[in-house]
Amino acid sequence: MRPEMTNAVRLSSHPTFRIRKGSLIVPSIYLFSLIYAATLAFLSLDVFKDRINYLRYAESSLAILQGYFNKGILVALVNEPVWLLINTDESVKSPL
């Protein structure tokens, strides 16, 4: 062994967490993830209080973007310009 390596820690000598074959840890993680994702996917959109604000933001995105540019280019660039440009399409309409 080289002299500069005598005081070094050998990583291969440290125990590592190993999942044994046939262990229930990995399937449990997948099951929990699936249940969590399904719970979030089946939530009604009416549960979220800020939904109407997001719809208004999407409907008037062009005016919001123009207001940001009037305040300055830096203000426009840090306030989600791509999102606002995507939502300038007329197909974004509120169902309300």
Protein backbone atom coordinates (compact mmCIF):
# COMPACT_ATOMS: atom_id res chain seq x y z
CA MET A 1 0.00 0.00 0.00
CA ARG A 2 1.21 3.49 -0.77
CA PRO A 3 2.38 5.51 2.26
CA GLU A 4 -0.08 8.37 1.63
CA MET A 5 -2.97 5.87 1.82
CA THR A 6 -2.16 4.45 5.26
CA ASN A 7 -4.47 6.85 7.13
CA ALA A 8 -7.15 6.96 4.43
CA VAL A 9 -10.50 5.37 4.99
CA ARG A 10 -11.20 2.48 2.72
CA LEU A 11 -14.76 2.72 1.49
CA SER A 12 -14.97 -0.97 0.79
CA SER A 13 -14.54 -1.72 4.50
CA HIS A 14 -17.66 0.24 5.52
CA PRO A 15 -20.95 -1.59 5.82
CA THR A 16 -23.60 -0.55 3.37
CA PHE A 17 -27.34 -0.86 3.49
CA ARG A 18 -28.23 -3.75 1.28
CA ILE A 19 -31.73 -4.85 0.42
CA ARG A 20 -31.96 -8.59 0.54
CA LYS A 21 -33.58 -10.46 -2.28
CA GLY A 22 -37.17 -11.16 -1.32
CA SER A 23 -37.33 -8.17 1.01
CA LEU A 24 -40.64 -6.32 1.32
CA ILE A 25 -39.05 -2.86 1.43
CA VAL A 26 -39.02 -2.15 -2.31
CA PRO A 27 -42.57 -3.38 -3.01
CA SER A 28 -43.79 -1.39 0.01
CA ILE A 29 -42.22 1.79 -1.36
CA TYR A 30 -43.89 1.21 -4.74
CA LEU A 31 -47.25 0.50 -3.12
CA PHE A 32 -47.04 3.64 -0.96
CA SER A 33 -46.08 5.72 -4.02
CA LEU A 34 -48.98 4.32 -6.03
CA ILE A 35 -51.51 5.01 -3.26
CA TYR A 36 -50.15 8.53 -2.76
CA ALA A 37 -50.26 9.31 -6.49
CA ALA A 38 -53.80 7.92 -6.83
CA THR A 39 -54.97 9.98 -3.87
CA LEU A 40 -53.62 13.17 -5.43
CA ALA A 41 -54.95 12.29 -8.88
CA PHE A 42 -58.50 11.75 -7.64
CA LEU A 43 -58.76 14.97 -5.64
CA SER A 44 -61.42 17.29 -6.93
CA LEU A 45 -60.13 20.53 -8.42
CA ASP A 46 -62.61 22.40 -6.26
CA VAL A 47 -60.56 21.42 -3.21
CA PHE A 48 -57.85 23.87 -4.19
CA LYS A 49 -58.81 27.38 -3.07
CA ASP A 50 -56.50 29.14 -5.51
CA ARG A 51 -57.96 27.51 -8.65
CA ILE A 52 -59.91 30.59 -9.73
CA ASN A 53 -56.81 32.78 -9.43
CA TYR A 54 -54.85 30.43 -11.69
CA LEU A 55 -57.64 30.46 -14.27
CA ARG A 56 -57.73 34.26 -14.25
CA TYR A 57 -53.92 34.33 -14.52
CA ALA A 58 -54.12 32.07 -17.57
CA GLU A 59 -56.93 34.06 -19.20
CA SER A 60 -55.24 37.44 -18.90
CA SER A 61 -51.67 36.28 -19.40
CA LEU A 62 -50.97 38.63 -22.30
CA ALA A 63 -51.97 41.69 -20.28
CA ILE A 64 -49.92 40.47 -17.32
CA LEU A 65 -46.89 39.89 -19.55
CA GLN A 66 -47.23 43.37 -21.09
CA GLY A 67 -47.44 44.86 -17.59
CA TYR A 68 -44.23 43.06 -16.61
CA PHE A 69 -42.44 44.36 -19.73
CA ASN A 70 -43.62 47.89 -18.92
CA LYS A 71 -41.89 47.56 -15.54
CA GLY A 72 -38.66 46.39 -17.16
CA ILE A 73 -37.06 43.53 -19.04
CA LEU A 74 -35.64 41.95 -15.89
CA VAL A 75 -39.04 41.97 -14.21
CA ALA A 76 -40.54 40.27 -17.27
CA LEU A 77 -37.82 37.62 -17.42
CA VAL A 78 -38.12 36.53 -13.79
CA ASN A 79 -41.93 36.31 -13.73
CA GLU A 80 -42.58 33.18 -15.79
CA PRO A 81 -42.54 34.63 -19.33
CA VAL A 82 -42.66 31.21 -21.03
CA TRP A 83 -45.72 30.19 -19.02
CA LEU A 84 -47.40 33.49 -19.85
CA LEU A 85 -46.58 33.13 -23.56
CA ILE A 86 -47.97 29.60 -23.65
CA ASN A 87 -51.21 30.84 -22.11
CA THR A 88 -51.71 33.73 -24.53
CA ASP A 89 -53.55 31.29 -26.79
CA GLU A 90 -57.27 32.01 -27.09
CA SER A 91 -58.08 28.36 -26.37
CA VAL A 92 -57.51 28.96 -22.66
CA LYS A 93 -60.97 29.81 -21.40
CA SER A 94 -62.43 29.53 -17.94
CA PRO A 95 -65.36 27.16 -17.53
CA LEU A 96 -66.85 29.65 -15.09
